[in-house]
Amino acid sequence: MDDVWKVTWNDVEFFVRTVANIYRDAKITGVYGIPRGGIILASLLSYRLDVPMLLAPCRNCIVIDDISDTGETLLHFDRNSSDNGKNKGYHIVTMFYKKESLVKPEFYMYEKTDAWIVYPWEDK
């Protein structure tokens, strides 16, 4: 795995704008970012939708993360934040999704390749 996919701020803005447009009329109550990867995306999306960033998920909110790679983080979150993954009442979105993931987001922008993904806030 020698390839690197450098995500740009323009890529991030396009993703956030797309998610906001998709959920604009969904009466979203807030945005919850999965710690580390989802925090910056949550901040940008909450601003774009003019809803609060949440400390915990609630009904009809967006739960956002940078990637659903193995899916273990989202699976753990889903099992502990809902009725064992049922009646969750929130929308899971990620920028990247890997087909082998244990959790398929409701919306994702890109299907992950074998490339190592570097986000603009990680690039040194």
PDB file of N, CA and C in Angstrom:
ATOM      1  N   MET A   1       0.850  -1.172   0.000  1.00  0.00           N
ATOM      2  CA  MET A   1       0.000   0.000   0.000  1.00  0.00           C
ATOM      3  C   MET A   1       0.898   1.239   0.000  1.00  0.00           C
ATOM      4  N   ASP A   2       1.380   1.587  -1.176  1.00  0.00           N
ATOM      5  CA  ASP A   2       2.278   2.721  -1.310  1.00  0.00           C
ATOM      6  C   ASP A   2       1.542   4.008  -1.666  1.00  0.00           C
ATOM      7  N   ASP A   3       0.328   3.883  -2.142  1.00  0.00           N
ATOM      8  CA  ASP A   3      -0.416   5.058  -2.581  1.00  0.00           C
ATOM      9  C   ASP A   3      -0.949   5.855  -1.397  1.00  0.00           C
ATOM     10  N   VAL A   4      -0.975   7.167  -1.588  1.00  0.00           N
ATOM     11  CA  VAL A   4      -1.527   8.064  -0.579  1.00  0.00           C
ATOM     12  C   VAL A   4      -2.581   8.927  -1.256  1.00  0.00           C
ATOM     13  N   TRP A   5      -3.756   9.030  -0.642  1.00  0.00           N
ATOM     14  CA  TRP A   5      -4.818   9.901  -1.131  1.00  0.00           C
ATOM     15  C   TRP A   5      -4.832  11.106  -0.203  1.00  0.00           C
ATOM     16  N   LYS A   6      -4.358  12.233  -0.706  1.00  0.00           N
ATOM     17  CA  LYS A   6      -4.340  13.456   0.096  1.00  0.00           C
ATOM     18  C   LYS A   6      -5.652  14.204  -0.126  1.00  0.00           C
ATOM     19  N   VAL A   7      -6.482  14.172   0.883  1.00  0.00           N
ATOM     20  CA  VAL A   7      -7.758  14.883   0.847  1.00  0.00           C
ATOM     21  C   VAL A   7      -7.451  16.374   1.007  1.00  0.00           C
ATOM     22  N   THR A   8      -8.056  17.196   0.187  1.00  0.00           N
ATOM     23  CA  THR A   8      -7.834  18.640   0.261  1.00  0.00           C
ATOM     24  C   THR A   8      -8.973  19.304   1.026  1.00  0.00           C
ATOM     25  N   TRP A   9      -8.764  20.547   1.403  1.00  0.00           N
ATOM     26  CA  TRP A   9      -9.846  21.308   2.038  1.00  0.00           C
ATOM     27  C   TRP A   9     -11.005  21.480   1.066  1.00  0.00           C
ATOM     28  N   ASN A  10     -10.719  21.565  -0.233  1.00  0.00           N
ATOM     29  CA  ASN A  10     -11.799  21.639  -1.227  1.00  0.00           C
ATOM     30  C   ASN A  10     -12.626  20.352  -1.229  1.00  0.00           C
ATOM     31  N   ASP A  11     -11.958  19.198  -1.077  1.00  0.00           N
ATOM     32  CA  ASP A  11     -12.680  17.921  -0.979  1.00  0.00           C
ATOM     33  C   ASP A  11     -13.584  17.914   0.254  1.00  0.00           C
ATOM     34  N   VAL A  12     -13.049  18.395   1.359  1.00  0.00           N
ATOM     35  CA  VAL A  12     -13.813  18.443   2.609  1.00  0.00           C
ATOM     36  C   VAL A  12     -15.020  19.358   2.452  1.00  0.00           C
ATOM     37  N   GLU A  13     -14.808  20.531   1.874  1.00  0.00           N
ATOM     38  CA  GLU A  13     -15.904  21.489   1.675  1.00  0.00           C
ATOM     39  C   GLU A  13     -16.969  20.912   0.746  1.00  0.00           C
ATOM     40  N   PHE A  14     -16.554  20.232  -0.298  1.00  0.00           N
ATOM     41  CA  PHE A  14     -17.506  19.611  -1.225  1.00  0.00           C
ATOM     42  C   PHE A  14     -18.347  18.554  -0.497  1.00  0.00           C
ATOM     43  N   PHE A  15     -17.698  17.731   0.314  1.00  0.00           N
ATOM     44  CA  PHE A  15     -18.399  16.711   1.095  1.00  0.00           C
ATOM     45  C   PHE A  15     -19.413  17.346   2.042  1.00  0.00           C
ATOM     46  N   VAL A  16     -18.981  18.341   2.799  1.00  0.00           N
ATOM     47  CA  VAL A  16     -19.857  19.000   3.775  1.00  0.00           C
ATOM     48  C   VAL A  16     -21.034  19.662   3.060  1.00  0.00           C
ATOM     49  N   ARG A  17     -20.765  20.337   1.964  1.00  0.00           N
ATOM     50  CA  ARG A  17     -21.830  20.995   1.196  1.00  0.00           C
ATOM     51  C   ARG A  17     -22.824  19.955   0.669  1.00  0.00           C
ATOM     52  N   THR A  18     -22.316  18.828   0.187  1.00  0.00           N
ATOM     53  CA  THR A  18     -23.184  17.768  -0.338  1.00  0.00           C
ATOM     54  C   THR A  18     -24.071  17.192   0.761  1.00  0.00           C
ATOM     55  N   VAL A  19     -23.495  16.878   1.899  1.00  0.00           N
ATOM     56  CA  VAL A  19     -24.276  16.340   3.025  1.00  0.00           C
ATOM     57  C   VAL A  19     -25.331  17.356   3.455  1.00  0.00           C
ATOM     58  N   ALA A  20     -24.946  18.606   3.562  1.00  0.00           N
ATOM     59  CA  ALA A  20     -25.901  19.656   3.964  1.00  0.00           C
ATOM     60  C   ALA A  20     -27.060  19.735   2.974  1.00  0.00           C
ATOM     61  N   ASN A  21     -26.771  19.652   1.700  1.00  0.00           N
ATOM     62  CA  ASN A  21     -27.837  19.716   0.691  1.00  0.00           C
ATOM     63  C   ASN A  21     -28.758  18.508   0.770  1.00  0.00           C
ATOM     64  N   ILE A  22     -28.196  17.339   1.018  1.00  0.00           N
ATOM     65  CA  ILE A  22     -29.010  16.119   1.113  1.00  0.00           C
ATOM     66  C   ILE A  22     -29.948  16.181   2.322  1.00  0.00           C
ATOM     67  N   TYR A  23     -29.457  16.689   3.451  1.00  0.00           N
ATOM     68  CA  TYR A  23     -30.235  16.665   4.700  1.00  0.00           C
ATOM     69  C   TYR A  23     -30.874  18.012   5.044  1.00  0.00           C
ATOM     70  N   ARG A  24     -30.805  18.961   4.144  1.00  0.00           N
ATOM     71  CA  ARG A  24     -31.312  20.314   4.416  1.00  0.00           C
ATOM     72  C   ARG A  24     -32.763  20.320   4.890  1.00  0.00           C
ATOM     73  N   ASP A  25     -33.610  19.514   4.301  1.00  0.00           N
ATOM     74  CA  ASP A  25     -35.037  19.513   4.647  1.00  0.00           C
ATOM     75  C   ASP A  25     -35.430  18.411   5.627  1.00  0.00           C
ATOM     76  N   ALA A  26     -34.447  17.786   6.246  1.00  0.00           N
ATOM     77  CA  ALA A  26     -34.714  16.639   7.126  1.00  0.00           C
ATOM     78  C   ALA A  26     -34.944  17.045   8.589  1.00  0.00           C
ATOM     79  N   LYS A  27     -35.003  18.336   8.871  1.00  0.00           N
ATOM     80  CA  LYS A  27     -35.205  18.826  10.242  1.00  0.00           C
ATOM     81  C   LYS A  27     -34.166  18.244  11.202  1.00  0.00           C
ATOM     82  N   ILE A  28     -32.906  18.316  10.800  1.00  0.00           N
ATOM     83  CA  ILE A  28     -31.790  17.817  11.601  1.00  0.00           C
ATOM     84  C   ILE A  28     -31.694  18.634  12.888  1.00  0.00           C
ATOM     85  N   THR A  29     -31.552  17.942  14.016  1.00  0.00           N
ATOM     86  CA  THR A  29     -31.515  18.616  15.321  1.00  0.00           C
ATOM     87  C   THR A  29     -30.097  19.007  15.760  1.00  0.00           C
ATOM     88  N   GLY A  30     -29.090  18.384  15.154  1.00  0.00           N
ATOM     89  CA  GLY A  30     -27.708  18.685  15.509  1.00  0.00           C
ATOM     90  C   GLY A  30     -26.771  17.712  14.821  1.00  0.00           C
ATOM     91  N   VAL A  31     -25.489  17.913  15.055  1.00  0.00           N
ATOM     92  CA  VAL A  31     -24.474  17.060  14.449  1.00  0.00           C
ATOM     93  C   VAL A  31     -23.549  16.552  15.550  1.00  0.00           C
ATOM     94  N   TYR A  32     -23.334  15.237  15.558  1.00  0.00           N
ATOM     95  CA  TYR A  32     -22.426  14.618  16.512  1.00  0.00           C
ATOM     96  C   TYR A  32     -21.240  14.047  15.738  1.00  0.00           C
ATOM     97  N   GLY A  33     -20.031  14.461  16.085  1.00  0.00           N
ATOM     98  CA  GLY A  33     -18.826  13.969  15.436  1.00  0.00           C
ATOM     99  C   GLY A  33     -18.194  12.850  16.242  1.00  0.00           C
ATOM    100  N   ILE A  34     -17.954  11.714  15.576  1.00  0.00           N
ATOM    101  CA  ILE A  34     -17.231  10.624  16.233  1.00  0.00           C
ATOM    102  C   ILE A  34     -15.842  11.154  16.578  1.00  0.00           C
ATOM    103  N   PRO A  35     -15.431  11.046  17.836  1.00  0.00           N
ATOM    104  CA  PRO A  35     -14.145  11.614  18.245  1.00  0.00           C
ATOM    105  C   PRO A  35     -12.980  11.171  17.375  1.00  0.00           C
ATOM    106  N   ARG A  36     -12.211  12.069  17.150  1.00  0.00           N
ATOM    107  CA  ARG A  36     -11.052  12.304  16.307  1.00  0.00           C
ATOM    108  C   ARG A  36     -11.504  12.588  14.892  1.00  0.00           C
ATOM    109  N   GLY A  37     -11.749  11.586  14.087  1.00  0.00           N
ATOM    110  CA  GLY A  37     -11.995  11.806  12.665  1.00  0.00           C
ATOM    111  C   GLY A  37     -13.215  12.629  12.324  1.00  0.00           C
ATOM    112  N   GLY A  38     -14.249  12.577  13.145  1.00  0.00           N
ATOM    113  CA  GLY A  38     -15.485  13.263  12.801  1.00  0.00           C
ATOM    114  C   GLY A  38     -15.659  14.649  13.381  1.00  0.00           C
ATOM    115  N   ILE A  39     -14.788  15.059  14.286  1.00  0.00           N
ATOM    116  CA  ILE A  39     -14.990  16.332  14.996  1.00  0.00           C
ATOM    117  C   ILE A  39     -14.928  17.545  14.056  1.00  0.00           C
ATOM    118  N   ILE A  40     -13.920  17.609  13.221  1.00  0.00           N
ATOM    119  CA  ILE A  40     -13.797  18.756  12.312  1.00  0.00           C
ATOM    120  C   ILE A  40     -14.944  18.754  11.309  1.00  0.00           C
ATOM    121  N   LEU A  41     -15.278  17.581  10.780  1.00  0.00           N
ATOM    122  CA  LEU A  41     -16.399  17.490   9.840  1.00  0.00           C
ATOM    123  C   LEU A  41     -17.707  17.904  10.512  1.00  0.00           C
ATOM    124  N   ALA A  42     -17.896  17.498  11.758  1.00  0.00           N
ATOM    125  CA  ALA A  42     -19.108  17.869  12.499  1.00  0.00           C
ATOM    126  C   ALA A  42     -19.189  19.374  12.693  1.00  0.00           C
ATOM    127  N   SER A  43     -18.074  19.981  13.016  1.00  0.00           N
ATOM    128  CA  SER A  43     -18.050  21.429  13.211  1.00  0.00           C
ATOM    129  C   SER A  43     -18.444  22.162  11.929  1.00  0.00           C
ATOM    130  N   LEU A  44     -17.863  21.764  10.823  1.00  0.00           N
ATOM    131  CA  LEU A  44     -18.168  22.404   9.536  1.00  0.00           C
ATOM    132  C   LEU A  44     -19.623  22.162   9.127  1.00  0.00           C
ATOM    133  N   LEU A  45     -20.117  20.945   9.341  1.00  0.00           N
ATOM    134  CA  LEU A  45     -21.489  20.625   8.956  1.00  0.00           C
ATOM    135  C   LEU A  45     -22.510  21.326   9.853  1.00  0.00           C
ATOM    136  N   SER A  46     -22.218  21.413  11.142  1.00  0.00           N
ATOM    137  CA  SER A  46     -23.162  22.091  12.041  1.00  0.00           C
ATOM    138  C   SER A  46     -23.280  23.564  11.665  1.00  0.00           C
ATOM    139  N   TYR A  47     -22.170  24.153  11.286  1.00  0.00           N
ATOM    140  CA  TYR A  47     -22.189  25.554  10.837  1.00  0.00           C
ATOM    141  C   TYR A  47     -23.001  25.689   9.552  1.00  0.00           C
ATOM    142  N   ARG A  48     -22.760  24.788   8.613  1.00  0.00           N
ATOM    143  CA  ARG A  48     -23.445  24.858   7.312  1.00  0.00           C
ATOM    144  C   ARG A  48     -24.952  24.646   7.468  1.00  0.00           C
ATOM    145  N   LEU A  49     -25.365  23.733   8.370  1.00  0.00           N
ATOM    146  CA  LEU A  49     -26.799  23.467   8.581  1.00  0.00           C
ATOM    147  C   LEU A  49     -27.431  24.393   9.614  1.00  0.00           C
ATOM    148  N   ASP A  50     -26.591  25.172  10.300  1.00  0.00           N
ATOM    149  CA  ASP A  50     -27.045  26.078  11.352  1.00  0.00           C
ATOM    150  C   ASP A  50     -27.772  25.315  12.467  1.00  0.00           C
ATOM    151  N   VAL A  51     -27.128  24.226  12.900  1.00  0.00           N
ATOM    152  CA  VAL A  51     -27.609  23.428  14.024  1.00  0.00           C
ATOM    153  C   VAL A  51     -26.443  23.230  14.980  1.00  0.00           C
ATOM    154  N   PRO A  52     -26.702  22.890  16.229  1.00  0.00           N
ATOM    155  CA  PRO A  52     -25.600  22.739  17.190  1.00  0.00           C
ATOM    156  C   PRO A  52     -24.770  21.481  16.973  1.00  0.00           C
ATOM    157  N   MET A  53     -23.526  21.568  17.430  1.00  0.00           N
ATOM    158  CA  MET A  53     -22.709  20.362  17.573  1.00  0.00           C
ATOM    159  C   MET A  53     -23.143  19.729  18.881  1.00  0.00           C
ATOM    160  N   LEU A  54     -23.281  18.431  18.880  1.00  0.00           N
ATOM    161  CA  LEU A  54     -23.822  17.737  20.043  1.00  0.00           C
ATOM    162  C   LEU A  54     -22.736  16.996  20.819  1.00  0.00           C
ATOM    163  N   LEU A  55     -22.935  16.888  22.127  1.00  0.00           N
ATOM    164  CA  LEU A  55     -22.036  16.099  22.969  1.00  0.00           C
ATOM    165  C   LEU A  55     -22.454  14.634  22.992  1.00  0.00           C
ATOM    166  N   ALA A  56     -23.663  14.369  22.584  1.00  0.00           N
ATOM    167  CA  ALA A  56     -24.198  13.005  22.492  1.00  0.00           C
ATOM    168  C   ALA A  56     -25.232  12.998  21.374  1.00  0.00           C
ATOM    169  N   PRO A  57     -25.395  11.882  20.716  1.00  0.00           N
ATOM    170  CA  PRO A  57     -26.385  11.834  19.633  1.00  0.00           C
ATOM    171  C   PRO A  57     -27.795  11.944  20.172  1.00  0.00           C
ATOM    172  N   CYS A  58     -28.685  12.437  19.340  1.00  0.00           N
ATOM    173  CA  CYS A  58     -30.103  12.522  19.709  1.00  0.00           C
ATOM    174  C   CYS A  58     -30.931  12.215  18.469  1.00  0.00           C
ATOM    175  N   ARG A  59     -32.218  12.210  18.664  1.00  0.00           N
ATOM    176  CA  ARG A  59     -33.126  11.902  17.572  1.00  0.00           C
ATOM    177  C   ARG A  59     -32.944  12.875  16.415  1.00  0.00           C
ATOM    178  N   ASN A  60     -32.907  12.316  15.234  1.00  0.00           N
ATOM    179  CA  ASN A  60     -32.812  13.048  13.970  1.00  0.00           C
ATOM    180  C   ASN A  60     -31.566  13.935  13.867  1.00  0.00           C
ATOM    181  N   CYS A  61     -30.490  13.469  14.424  1.00  0.00           N
ATOM    182  CA  CYS A  61     -29.227  14.174  14.251  1.00  0.00           C
ATOM    183  C   CYS A  61     -28.389  13.435  13.206  1.00  0.00           C
ATOM    184  N   ILE A  62     -27.312  14.062  12.796  1.00  0.00           N
ATOM    185  CA  ILE A  62     -26.346  13.420  11.919  1.00  0.00           C
ATOM    186  C   ILE A  62     -25.148  13.013  12.764  1.00  0.00           C
ATOM    187  N   VAL A  63     -24.765  11.752  12.654  1.00  0.00           N
ATOM    188  CA  VAL A  63     -23.551  11.234  13.277  1.00  0.00           C
ATOM    189  C   VAL A  63     -22.537  11.122  12.145  1.00  0.00           C
ATOM    190  N   ILE A  64     -21.413  11.813  12.289  1.00  0.00           N
ATOM    191  CA  ILE A  64     -20.471  11.905  11.188  1.00  0.00           C
ATOM    192  C   ILE A  64     -19.084  11.425  11.599  1.00  0.00           C
ATOM    193  N   ASP A  65     -18.420  10.747  10.667  1.00  0.00           N
ATOM    194  CA  ASP A  65     -17.048  10.313  10.877  1.00  0.00           C
ATOM    195  C   ASP A  65     -16.302  10.456   9.555  1.00  0.00           C
ATOM    196  N   ASP A  66     -14.982  10.430   9.630  1.00  0.00           N
ATOM    197  CA  ASP A  66     -14.198  10.582   8.412  1.00  0.00           C
ATOM    198  C   ASP A  66     -14.270   9.349   7.528  1.00  0.00           C
ATOM    199  N   ILE A  67     -14.299   8.155   8.146  1.00  0.00           N
ATOM    200  CA  ILE A  67     -14.265   6.923   7.361  1.00  0.00           C
ATOM    201  C   ILE A  67     -14.933   5.772   8.104  1.00  0.00           C
ATOM    202  N   SER A  68     -15.563   4.900   7.347  1.00  0.00           N
ATOM    203  CA  SER A  68     -16.011   3.617   7.873  1.00  0.00           C
ATOM    204  C   SER A  68     -15.080   2.590   7.244  1.00  0.00           C
ATOM    205  N   ASP A  69     -13.976   2.318   7.942  1.00  0.00           N
ATOM    206  CA  ASP A  69     -12.935   1.433   7.426  1.00  0.00           C
ATOM    207  C   ASP A  69     -13.259  -0.002   7.830  1.00  0.00           C
ATOM    208  N   THR A  70     -12.863  -0.416   9.003  1.00  0.00           N
ATOM    209  CA  THR A  70     -13.281  -1.741   9.478  1.00  0.00           C
ATOM    210  C   THR A  70     -14.738  -1.685   9.934  1.00  0.00           C
ATOM    211  N   GLY A  71     -15.174  -0.496  10.349  1.00  0.00           N
ATOM    212  CA  GLY A  71     -16.537  -0.321  10.841  1.00  0.00           C
ATOM    213  C   GLY A  71     -16.675  -0.569  12.327  1.00  0.00           C
ATOM    214  N   GLU A  72     -15.586  -0.945  12.982  1.00  0.00           N
ATOM    215  CA  GLU A  72     -15.666  -1.283  14.409  1.00  0.00           C
ATOM    216  C   GLU A  72     -16.078  -0.083  15.264  1.00  0.00           C
ATOM    217  N   THR A  73     -15.558   1.098  14.954  1.00  0.00           N
ATOM    218  CA  THR A  73     -15.928   2.286  15.730  1.00  0.00           C
ATOM    219  C   THR A  73     -17.411   2.573  15.597  1.00  0.00           C
ATOM    220  N   LEU A  74     -17.914   2.575  14.365  1.00  0.00           N
ATOM    221  CA  LEU A  74     -19.334   2.861  14.153  1.00  0.00           C
ATOM    222  C   LEU A  74     -20.222   1.751  14.698  1.00  0.00           C
ATOM    223  N   LEU A  75     -19.779   0.512  14.603  1.00  0.00           N
ATOM    224  CA  LEU A  75     -20.553  -0.604  15.159  1.00  0.00           C
ATOM    225  C   LEU A  75     -20.659  -0.470  16.672  1.00  0.00           C
ATOM    226  N   HIS A  76     -19.552  -0.183  17.325  1.00  0.00           N
ATOM    227  CA  HIS A  76     -19.549   0.018  18.777  1.00  0.00           C
ATOM    228  C   HIS A  76     -20.458   1.187  19.149  1.00  0.00           C
ATOM    229  N   PHE A  77     -20.332   2.282  18.417  1.00  0.00           N
ATOM    230  CA  PHE A  77     -21.180   3.451  18.656  1.00  0.00           C
ATOM    231  C   PHE A  77     -22.650   3.082  18.493  1.00  0.00           C
ATOM    232  N   ASP A  78     -22.979   2.410  17.388  1.00  0.00           N
ATOM    233  CA  ASP A  78     -24.369   2.072  17.075  1.00  0.00           C
ATOM    234  C   ASP A  78     -24.971   1.156  18.140  1.00  0.00           C
ATOM    235  N   ARG A  79     -24.217   0.185  18.594  1.00  0.00           N
ATOM    236  CA  ARG A  79     -24.723  -0.745  19.607  1.00  0.00           C
ATOM    237  C   ARG A  79     -24.942  -0.069  20.957  1.00  0.00           C
ATOM    238  N   ASN A  80     -24.140   0.942  21.242  1.00  0.00           N
ATOM    239  CA  ASN A  80     -24.245   1.609  22.538  1.00  0.00           C
ATOM    240  C   ASN A  80     -25.111   2.858  22.517  1.00  0.00           C
ATOM    241  N   SER A  81     -25.557   3.271  21.346  1.00  0.00           N
ATOM    242  CA  SER A  81     -26.349   4.497  21.240  1.00  0.00           C
ATOM    243  C   SER A  81     -27.769   4.252  20.776  1.00  0.00           C
ATOM    244  N   SER A  82     -28.133   3.000  20.584  1.00  0.00           N
ATOM    245  CA  SER A  82     -29.473   2.704  20.092  1.00  0.00           C
ATOM    246  C   SER A  82     -29.909   1.354  20.651  1.00  0.00           C
ATOM    247  N   ASP A  83     -31.063   0.918  20.216  1.00  0.00           N
ATOM    248  CA  ASP A  83     -31.595  -0.379  20.629  1.00  0.00           C
ATOM    249  C   ASP A  83     -30.905  -1.472  19.809  1.00  0.00           C
ATOM    250  N   ASN A  84     -29.623  -1.712  20.144  1.00  0.00           N
ATOM    251  CA  ASN A  84     -28.786  -2.690  19.447  1.00  0.00           C
ATOM    252  C   ASN A  84     -28.807  -2.487  17.932  1.00  0.00           C
ATOM    253  N   GLY A  85     -28.678  -1.211  17.531  1.00  0.00           N
ATOM    254  CA  GLY A  85     -28.633  -0.897  16.110  1.00  0.00           C
ATOM    255  C   GLY A  85     -29.988  -0.678  15.472  1.00  0.00           C
ATOM    256  N   LYS A  86     -31.063  -0.855  16.233  1.00  0.00           N
ATOM    257  CA  LYS A  86     -32.412  -0.644  15.700  1.00  0.00           C
ATOM    258  C   LYS A  86     -32.985   0.618  16.332  1.00  0.00           C
ATOM    259  N   ASN A  87     -33.937   1.223  15.672  1.00  0.00           N
ATOM    260  CA  ASN A  87     -34.611   2.424  16.170  1.00  0.00           C
ATOM    261  C   ASN A  87     -33.610   3.509  16.567  1.00  0.00           C
ATOM    262  N   LYS A  88     -32.569   3.639  15.785  1.00  0.00           N
ATOM    263  CA  LYS A  88     -31.526   4.579  16.167  1.00  0.00           C
ATOM    264  C   LYS A  88     -31.961   6.031  16.030  1.00  0.00           C
ATOM    265  N   GLY A  89     -32.727   6.352  15.032  1.00  0.00           N
ATOM    266  CA  GLY A  89     -33.239   7.714  14.908  1.00  0.00           C
ATOM    267  C   GLY A  89     -32.207   8.748  14.515  1.00  0.00           C
ATOM    268  N   TYR A  90     -31.005   8.328  14.109  1.00  0.00           N
ATOM    269  CA  TYR A  90     -29.996   9.268  13.643  1.00  0.00           C
ATOM    270  C   TYR A  90     -29.458   8.790  12.302  1.00  0.00           C
ATOM    271  N   HIS A  91     -28.763   9.670  11.616  1.00  0.00           N
ATOM    272  CA  HIS A  91     -28.240   9.399  10.284  1.00  0.00           C
ATOM    273  C   HIS A  91     -26.716   9.300  10.357  1.00  0.00           C
ATOM    274  N   ILE A  92     -26.152   8.159   9.963  1.00  0.00           N
ATOM    275  CA  ILE A  92     -24.702   7.997   9.958  1.00  0.00           C
ATOM    276  C   ILE A  92     -24.172   8.345   8.575  1.00  0.00           C
ATOM    277  N   VAL A  93     -23.225   9.291   8.536  1.00  0.00           N
ATOM    278  CA  VAL A  93     -22.582   9.676   7.286  1.00  0.00           C
ATOM    279  C   VAL A  93     -21.066   9.672   7.481  1.00  0.00           C
ATOM    280  N   THR A  94     -20.369   9.294   6.438  1.00  0.00           N
ATOM    281  CA  THR A  94     -18.903   9.323   6.454  1.00  0.00           C
ATOM    282  C   THR A  94     -18.410   9.851   5.121  1.00  0.00           C
ATOM    283  N   MET A  95     -17.204  10.360   5.133  1.00  0.00           N
ATOM    284  CA  MET A  95     -16.611  10.827   3.893  1.00  0.00           C
ATOM    285  C   MET A  95     -16.159   9.640   3.042  1.00  0.00           C
ATOM    286  N   PHE A  96     -15.581   8.625   3.684  1.00  0.00           N
ATOM    287  CA  PHE A  96     -15.107   7.427   2.998  1.00  0.00           C
ATOM    288  C   PHE A  96     -15.771   6.186   3.578  1.00  0.00           C
ATOM    289  N   TYR A  97     -15.919   5.192   2.739  1.00  0.00           N
ATOM    290  CA  TYR A  97     -16.507   3.909   3.131  1.00  0.00           C
ATOM    291  C   TYR A  97     -15.734   2.790   2.450  1.00  0.00           C
ATOM    292  N   LYS A  98     -15.412   1.768   3.205  1.00  0.00           N
ATOM    293  CA  LYS A  98     -14.744   0.588   2.675  1.00  0.00           C
ATOM    294  C   LYS A  98     -15.764  -0.543   2.613  1.00  0.00           C
ATOM    295  N   LYS A  99     -15.876  -1.205   1.478  1.00  0.00           N
ATOM    296  CA  LYS A  99     -16.895  -2.251   1.280  1.00  0.00           C
ATOM    297  C   LYS A  99     -16.871  -3.330   2.352  1.00  0.00           C
ATOM    298  N   GLU A 100     -15.711  -3.604   2.912  1.00  0.00           N
ATOM    299  CA  GLU A 100     -15.590  -4.660   3.920  1.00  0.00           C
ATOM    300  C   GLU A 100     -16.019  -4.201   5.313  1.00  0.00           C
ATOM    301  N   SER A 101     -16.403  -2.965   5.447  1.00  0.00           N
ATOM    302  CA  SER A 101     -16.776  -2.402   6.743  1.00  0.00           C
ATOM    303  C   SER A 101     -17.974  -3.132   7.344  1.00  0.00           C
ATOM    304  N   LEU A 102     -17.993  -3.213   8.656  1.00  0.00           N
ATOM    305  CA  LEU A 102     -19.112  -3.824   9.372  1.00  0.00           C
ATOM    306  C   LEU A 102     -20.357  -2.942   9.370  1.00  0.00           C
ATOM    307  N   VAL A 103     -20.188  -1.645   9.100  1.00  0.00           N
ATOM    308  CA  VAL A 103     -21.311  -0.697   9.084  1.00  0.00           C
ATOM    309  C   VAL A 103     -21.278   0.076   7.773  1.00  0.00           C
ATOM    310  N   LYS A 104     -22.393   0.053   7.066  1.00  0.00           N
ATOM    311  CA  LYS A 104     -22.512   0.868   5.853  1.00  0.00           C
ATOM    312  C   LYS A 104     -23.249   2.152   6.220  1.00  0.00           C
ATOM    313  N   PRO A 105     -22.594   3.292   6.056  1.00  0.00           N
ATOM    314  CA  PRO A 105     -23.249   4.556   6.390  1.00  0.00           C
ATOM    315  C   PRO A 105     -24.469   4.800   5.510  1.00  0.00           C
ATOM    316  N   GLU A 106     -25.370   5.601   6.012  1.00  0.00           N
ATOM    317  CA  GLU A 106     -26.536   5.999   5.225  1.00  0.00           C
ATOM    318  C   GLU A 106     -26.074   6.775   3.990  1.00  0.00           C
ATOM    319  N   PHE A 107     -25.034   7.587   4.178  1.00  0.00           N
ATOM    320  CA  PHE A 107     -24.443   8.324   3.057  1.00  0.00           C
ATOM    321  C   PHE A 107     -22.926   8.325   3.217  1.00  0.00           C
ATOM    322  N   TYR A 108     -22.237   8.144   2.125  1.00  0.00           N
ATOM    323  CA  TYR A 108     -20.788   8.317   2.074  1.00  0.00           C
ATOM    324  C   TYR A 108     -20.441   8.922   0.725  1.00  0.00           C
ATOM    325  N   MET A 109     -19.314   9.644   0.669  1.00  0.00           N
ATOM    326  CA  MET A 109     -18.935  10.340  -0.554  1.00  0.00           C
ATOM    327  C   MET A 109     -18.072   9.465  -1.461  1.00  0.00           C
ATOM    328  N   TYR A 110     -17.090   8.809  -0.867  1.00  0.00           N
ATOM    329  CA  TYR A 110     -16.134   8.037  -1.668  1.00  0.00           C
ATOM    330  C   TYR A 110     -16.005   6.624  -1.115  1.00  0.00           C
ATOM    331  N   GLU A 111     -15.838   5.667  -2.032  1.00  0.00           N
ATOM    332  CA  GLU A 111     -15.511   4.324  -1.599  1.00  0.00           C
ATOM    333  C   GLU A 111     -13.996   4.247  -1.451  1.00  0.00           C
ATOM    334  N   LYS A 112     -13.551   3.760  -0.311  1.00  0.00           N
ATOM    335  CA  LYS A 112     -12.119   3.741   0.001  1.00  0.00           C
ATOM    336  C   LYS A 112     -11.375   2.775  -0.905  1.00  0.00           C
ATOM    337  N   THR A 113     -10.232   3.228  -1.326  1.00  0.00           N
ATOM    338  CA  THR A 113      -9.335   2.379  -2.097  1.00  0.00           C
ATOM    339  C   THR A 113      -8.282   1.829  -1.144  1.00  0.00           C
ATOM    340  N   ASP A 114      -7.269   1.204  -1.691  1.00  0.00           N
ATOM    341  CA  ASP A 114      -6.179   0.702  -0.856  1.00  0.00           C
ATOM    342  C   ASP A 114      -5.221   1.809  -0.450  1.00  0.00           C
ATOM    343  N   ALA A 115      -5.451   3.001  -0.951  1.00  0.00           N
ATOM    344  CA  ALA A 115      -4.562   4.123  -0.628  1.00  0.00           C
ATOM    345  C   ALA A 115      -4.705   4.526   0.842  1.00  0.00           C
ATOM    346  N   TRP A 116      -3.622   5.004   1.403  1.00  0.00           N
ATOM    347  CA  TRP A 116      -3.638   5.576   2.744  1.00  0.00           C
ATOM    348  C   TRP A 116      -4.252   6.959   2.620  1.00  0.00           C
ATOM    349  N   ILE A 117      -5.246   7.280   3.432  1.00  0.00           N
ATOM    350  CA  ILE A 117      -5.945   8.562   3.330  1.00  0.00           C
ATOM    351  C   ILE A 117      -5.357   9.536   4.342  1.00  0.00           C
ATOM    352  N   VAL A 118      -5.000  10.721   3.855  1.00  0.00           N
ATOM    353  CA  VAL A 118      -4.455  11.775   4.709  1.00  0.00           C
ATOM    354  C   VAL A 118      -5.368  12.992   4.568  1.00  0.00           C
ATOM    355  N   TYR A 119      -5.943  13.412   5.675  1.00  0.00           N
ATOM    356  CA  TYR A 119      -6.836  14.569   5.696  1.00  0.00           C
ATOM    357  C   TYR A 119      -6.014  15.845   5.870  1.00  0.00           C
ATOM    358  N   PRO A 120      -6.558  16.978   5.460  1.00  0.00           N
ATOM    359  CA  PRO A 120      -5.773  18.219   5.537  1.00  0.00           C
ATOM    360  C   PRO A 120      -5.369  18.606   6.955  1.00  0.00           C
ATOM    361  N   TRP A 121      -6.141  18.201   7.948  1.00  0.00           N
ATOM    362  CA  TRP A 121      -5.784  18.531   9.334  1.00  0.00           C
ATOM    363  C   TRP A 121      -4.723  17.582   9.892  1.00  0.00           C
ATOM    364  N   GLU A 122      -4.387  16.528   9.131  1.00  0.00           N
ATOM    365  CA  GLU A 122      -3.345  15.589   9.538  1.00  0.00           C
ATOM    366  C   GLU A 122      -2.012  15.855   8.834  1.00  0.00           C
ATOM    367  N   ASP A 123      -2.099  16.486   7.686  1.00  0.00           N
ATOM    368  CA  ASP A 123      -0.909  16.699   6.855  1.00  0.00           C
ATOM    369  C   ASP A 123       0.035  17.684   7.519  1.00  0.00           C
ATOM    370  N   LYS A 124       1.266  17.260   7.725  1.00  0.00           N
ATOM    371  CA  LYS A 124       2.232  18.116   8.427  1.00  0.00           C
ATOM    372  C   LYS A 124       3.203  18.731   7.475  1.00  0.00           C
TER     373      LYS A 124
END
